[in-house]
Protein backbone atom coordinates (compact mmCIF):
# COMPACT_ATOMS: atom_id res chain seq x y z
CA MET A 1 99.81 81.72 88.58
CA LYS A 2 101.59 85.12 88.17
CA LYS A 3 104.59 86.73 90.08
CA GLY A 4 103.29 90.02 91.27
CA LEU A 5 105.14 92.61 93.26
CA ILE A 6 103.07 95.45 94.89
CA ILE A 7 104.61 98.59 96.46
CA GLY A 8 103.04 100.51 99.11
CA GLU A 9 102.44 98.49 102.23
CA ARG A 10 100.74 101.18 104.24
CA GLY A 11 98.38 102.71 101.62
CA PHE A 12 94.60 101.63 100.99
CA ILE A 13 95.00 100.34 97.60
CA GLY A 14 98.16 98.38 97.99
CA LYS A 15 96.96 96.81 101.10
CA SER A 16 93.80 95.82 99.42
CA LEU A 17 95.35 94.39 96.29
CA ASN A 18 97.61 92.27 98.45
CA LYS A 19 94.72 90.87 100.46
CA PHE A 20 92.82 89.85 97.45
CA LEU A 21 95.47 88.87 95.11
CA LYS A 22 97.86 86.88 97.64
CA HIS A 23 95.35 83.68 97.37
CA LYS A 24 95.47 84.13 93.62
CA HIS A 25 99.14 84.68 92.59
CA LYS A 26 102.42 84.86 94.11
CA ILE A 27 102.51 88.37 95.53
CA LYS A 28 104.97 90.21 97.66
CA LEU A 29 104.01 93.42 99.18
CA MET A 30 106.69 96.00 100.17
CA SER A 31 107.25 99.71 100.85
CA PHE A 32 108.80 102.15 98.18
CA LYS A 33 111.79 102.53 100.32
CA ASP A 34 112.62 98.87 100.21
CA ALA A 35 111.37 98.48 96.55
CA ILE A 36 113.54 101.13 95.03
CA ASN A 37 116.86 99.03 96.21
CA TYR A 38 115.39 95.48 95.56
CA ARG A 39 117.65 93.58 93.70
CA LEU A 40 114.78 91.11 92.55
CA ILE A 41 112.51 93.50 91.08
CA ASN A 42 113.24 92.10 87.55
CA LYS A 43 111.75 88.83 88.68
CA TYR A 44 108.38 89.71 88.62
CA ASP A 45 105.97 89.22 85.89
CA PHE A 46 104.12 92.37 87.08
CA VAL A 47 104.97 95.21 89.40
CA ILE A 48 102.24 97.37 90.54
CA ASN A 49 103.18 100.80 92.55
CA THR A 50 100.50 101.95 94.80
CA SER A 51 102.83 104.38 96.69
CA ILE A 52 102.99 108.31 96.12
CA ASN A 53 104.92 111.21 97.10
CA LYS A 54 103.15 113.93 98.90
CA TYR A 55 104.76 116.37 96.85
CA TYR A 56 103.57 114.83 93.55
CA ILE A 57 99.97 115.75 94.60
CA THR A 58 100.35 119.27 95.47
CA LYS A 59 103.57 120.69 93.33
CA LYS A 60 104.53 120.79 89.94
CA TYR A 61 106.29 117.92 88.46
CA SER A 62 109.62 116.81 89.36
CA LYS A 63 111.19 113.55 88.46
CA ASN A 64 112.77 113.59 92.36
CA PHE A 65 108.57 113.13 93.40
CA ASP A 66 107.91 110.56 90.92
CA ASN A 67 108.00 107.14 92.56
CA ASP A 68 106.69 105.31 89.59
CA LEU A 69 109.30 106.54 87.06
CA LYS A 70 112.39 105.65 89.80
CA LEU A 71 110.77 102.12 89.63
CA ALA A 72 110.67 101.98 85.90
CA ASN A 73 113.95 102.91 85.76
CA ARG A 74 114.95 99.76 87.59
CA LEU A 75 113.41 97.57 85.26
CA ASN A 76 115.48 96.03 82.48
CA ASN A 77 113.83 93.22 80.83
CA LYS A 78 111.43 92.53 78.29
CA LYS A 79 109.14 90.50 80.66
CA THR A 80 108.18 92.36 83.49
CA ILE A 81 104.91 94.63 83.12
CA PHE A 82 104.36 97.74 84.87
CA ILE A 83 100.97 98.57 86.07
CA PHE A 84 100.82 102.45 86.27
CA LEU A 85 97.89 103.88 88.32
CA SER A 86 96.68 107.06 86.59
CA SER A 87 93.75 109.06 87.12
CA ARG A 88 90.35 109.91 85.34
CA LYS A 89 91.22 113.40 86.18
CA VAL A 90 93.66 113.43 83.05
CA TYR A 91 90.43 113.96 81.21
CA LYS A 92 88.01 116.92 80.49
CA ALA A 93 84.85 115.94 82.55
CA LYS A 94 81.88 114.90 80.52
CA PRO A 95 79.63 111.86 80.11
CA ASN A 96 81.25 108.55 78.37
CA ILE A 97 84.79 109.31 78.09
CA LYS A 98 86.96 107.19 75.95
CA GLU A 99 90.60 106.53 76.19
CA THR A 100 90.97 108.58 73.46
CA GLY A 101 88.93 111.65 74.78
CA LYS A 102 90.11 115.11 75.32
CA LEU A 103 93.13 115.44 77.88
CA SER A 104 92.61 118.34 80.06
CA PRO A 105 94.15 118.21 83.43
CA LYS A 106 93.69 120.87 85.90
CA SER A 107 95.44 119.91 89.04
CA ASN A 108 99.03 119.50 89.91
CA TYR A 109 98.01 115.76 90.71
CA SER A 110 96.52 115.36 87.29
CA LYS A 111 98.95 117.35 85.45
CA ASN A 112 102.11 114.96 86.81
CA LYS A 113 100.16 111.67 86.25
CA LEU A 114 99.56 112.74 82.52
CA ILE A 115 103.39 113.43 82.52
CA THR A 116 104.35 110.29 84.14
CA GLU A 117 102.34 108.57 81.49
CA LYS A 118 104.20 109.95 78.67
CA LEU A 119 107.40 109.31 80.46
CA LEU A 120 106.86 105.51 81.19
CA LYS A 121 105.61 105.09 77.74
CA ASN A 122 108.99 106.18 76.31
CA LYS A 123 110.84 104.11 78.99
CA LEU A 124 108.94 101.02 78.78
CA ARG A 125 107.74 100.77 75.48
CA GLY A 126 105.43 97.97 75.35
CA ASN A 127 105.89 96.64 78.71
CA LEU A 128 103.17 99.11 80.59
CA THR A 129 99.51 98.86 81.48
CA ILE A 130 97.87 102.50 82.23
CA LEU A 131 94.88 102.25 84.28
CA ARG A 132 93.05 105.64 84.18
CA ILE A 133 90.90 104.86 87.24
CA SER A 134 87.67 106.85 88.71
CA ASN A 135 86.70 107.03 92.20
CA ILE A 136 87.53 103.94 94.28
CA ILE A 137 84.98 103.20 96.95
CA GLY A 138 86.16 101.14 100.03
CA GLU A 139 86.91 101.09 103.60
CA LYS A 140 90.02 102.55 104.84
CA SER A 141 92.00 100.93 107.93
CA LYS A 142 92.93 103.75 110.34
CA PHE A 143 96.60 102.40 110.05
CA SER A 144 96.41 103.13 105.89
CA LYS A 145 98.56 106.17 104.80
CA ASN A 146 96.02 108.72 103.39
CA LEU A 147 97.71 111.99 101.91
CA HIS A 148 94.21 113.31 100.57
CA LYS A 149 90.51 112.89 101.22
CA THR A 150 88.36 111.14 98.95
CA PHE A 151 84.73 111.07 98.43
CA ILE A 152 84.22 108.42 100.93
CA ASP A 153 86.28 110.26 103.49
CA ILE A 154 84.24 113.20 103.22
CA PHE A 155 80.85 111.15 103.41
CA TYR A 156 81.80 109.43 106.42
CA GLU A 157 83.23 112.40 108.01
CA LYS A 158 79.96 114.21 107.92
CA ALA A 159 77.69 111.02 108.28
CA LYS A 160 79.22 110.34 111.57
CA LYS A 161 78.29 113.78 112.46
CA GLY A 162 74.62 113.37 111.37
CA ILE A 163 75.10 115.44 108.09
CA ILE A 164 74.55 114.50 104.49
CA TYR A 165 74.95 116.52 101.63
CA ASN A 166 71.92 116.71 98.94
CA ASN A 167 73.90 116.46 95.49
CA ARG A 168 70.83 117.20 93.83
CA ASP A 169 71.06 115.30 90.01
CA ASN A 170 74.73 115.11 90.20
CA TYR A 171 76.55 112.02 89.14
CA LYS A 172 80.13 110.72 88.88
CA ASP A 173 81.56 107.33 88.24
CA PHE A 174 82.71 105.27 90.92
CA ILE A 175 84.19 101.50 91.24
CA SER A 176 84.49 99.64 94.19
CA ILE A 177 87.76 98.48 95.64
CA GLN A 178 86.47 94.70 95.59
CA LYS A 179 85.68 95.35 91.76
CA PHE A 180 88.93 97.01 91.09
CA CYS A 181 90.87 94.23 92.63
CA GLU A 182 88.81 91.78 90.60
CA ILE A 183 89.85 93.62 87.33
CA VAL A 184 93.42 93.96 88.44
CA ASN A 185 93.55 90.24 88.88
CA MET A 186 91.98 89.73 85.27
CA ILE A 187 94.58 92.34 83.92
CA MET A 188 97.36 90.02 85.24
CA LEU A 189 95.73 86.47 84.03
CA LYS A 190 95.62 88.14 80.32
CA ASN A 191 98.84 90.05 80.09
CA LEU A 192 96.96 93.13 79.12
CA LYS A 193 99.13 96.02 78.07
CA GLY A 194 97.76 99.54 76.83
CA THR A 195 95.84 102.27 78.52
CA PHE A 196 92.48 101.40 79.75
CA ASN A 197 89.74 103.12 82.02
CA VAL A 198 88.65 101.34 85.11
CA SER A 199 85.18 102.01 85.96
CA ILE A 200 81.58 101.10 86.15
CA GLY A 201 81.13 103.02 83.03
CA LYS A 202 77.61 104.33 83.92
CA LYS A 203 76.35 107.48 85.43
CA VAL A 204 76.31 107.28 89.36
CA TYR A 205 74.00 109.54 91.21
CA LEU A 206 75.62 110.73 94.17
CA ASN A 207 72.33 110.75 96.19
CA ASP A 208 71.95 107.28 95.32
CA LEU A 209 75.32 106.27 96.30
CA VAL A 210 75.28 108.23 99.55
CA SER A 211 71.83 106.44 100.51
CA TRP A 212 73.49 103.18 99.79
CA LEU A 213 76.64 104.14 102.25
CA ASN A 214 74.45 105.62 104.71
CA TYR A 215 71.94 102.57 104.56
CA TYR A 216 73.00 101.43 108.25
CA ASN A 217 73.78 104.47 109.75
CA LYS A 218 71.40 104.71 112.94
CA ARG A 219 71.93 108.30 113.71
CA LYS A 220 69.42 110.96 113.06
CA ILE A 221 70.41 112.65 109.84
CA LYS A 222 70.19 116.32 108.63
CA ILE A 223 70.11 116.80 104.87
CA VAL A 224 72.31 119.91 103.80
CA ASN A 225 72.15 121.71 100.45
CA ASN A 226 75.66 121.38 99.01
CA ILE A 227 76.58 125.01 98.60
CA LYS A 228 79.66 124.32 96.55
CA LEU A 229 78.78 124.52 92.68
CA PHE A 230 78.99 121.07 91.15
CA ASN A 231 80.54 121.37 87.35
CA GLY A 232 82.00 117.99 87.36
CA ASN A 233 79.60 115.27 86.14
CA PHE A 234 81.24 112.60 84.22
CA TYR A 235 81.61 109.10 83.60
CA LEU A 236 84.31 107.02 81.72
CA ASN A 237 83.50 104.50 78.79
CA ASN A 238 84.91 101.03 79.99
CA LYS A 239 84.44 98.85 76.87
CA LYS A 240 87.87 98.57 75.84
CA LEU A 241 88.76 96.99 78.91
CA MET A 242 85.50 94.94 80.00
CA SER A 243 85.48 93.36 76.54
CA LYS A 244 89.15 92.08 77.14
CA ILE A 245 87.86 90.61 80.79
CA LYS A 246 84.80 89.77 80.57
CA ILE A 247 83.47 89.96 84.44
CA ALA A 248 80.32 91.58 85.68
CA ASN A 249 80.55 95.31 86.55
CA THR A 250 76.97 96.88 87.32
CA ILE A 251 75.29 99.33 89.22
CA GLY A 252 74.05 96.40 91.12
CA ASN A 253 77.57 94.99 91.94
CA LEU A 254 78.34 98.89 93.04
CA LYS A 255 75.46 98.95 95.33
CA ARG A 256 75.82 95.43 97.04
CA ASP A 257 79.43 96.63 97.77
CA CYS A 258 78.36 99.88 99.27
CA LEU A 259 75.72 98.50 101.30
CA ASN A 260 78.41 95.73 102.83
CA LEU A 261 80.70 99.12 103.31
CA SER A 262 77.88 100.68 105.26
CA LYS A 263 77.70 97.82 107.95
CA LYS A 264 81.55 98.18 108.56
CA LEU A 265 81.20 101.66 108.69
CA PHE A 266 78.47 102.10 111.31
CA LYS A 267 78.47 99.00 112.91
């Protein structure tokens, strides 16, 4: 059993990790405001930050906006491993992207993530786990803090109005919040360090995903062509991580989690 500190008590990922991990490890959940002055931060095996400054998403990099670096600066021992939640958006979009793939961040958010990765490597040396995460699918509580819309937010917003987009043959890479929590649990158990892609590692066609998420929606649906040009087909190669943690992570798992989510969304 590990001791883990999760930072980001109002966010979707932080709350989900706490709910899953607290039955398996000694977990403490707190806000960034409380954590930045927390005297016992160095007493934990793992520190996982899920909080984010809104300006980190929209503006050019500044250390003033970097919650992860501020927390890492508080760590001064050789025991605590810092888990940094990075993004698949640091890569150039293409099929089968490995951790060594071309880095080509386009937005301020992805550029900032890459800058933070480099700063944390210099600061923490070997006590760092970087997770480059694909799109996470899960139910967000109405009380969760949500700074930007994800695929699931847009889907649910439109589906409630009886509209679904036809995404043709476009695909992306997704992972359910349930599977993400399982993966983080295994990372903690095995004390993994390094940079890892966190994803299902396969093409997930958007129309298939939408059909699973909409399965229990009883509204009459109008299918509308997505007028936005889509040029972001990609999936991550997750073999480096999965070879170390050895858990099931399949399209079938994702479909099951999406169907369960559909029940909750449209109950």
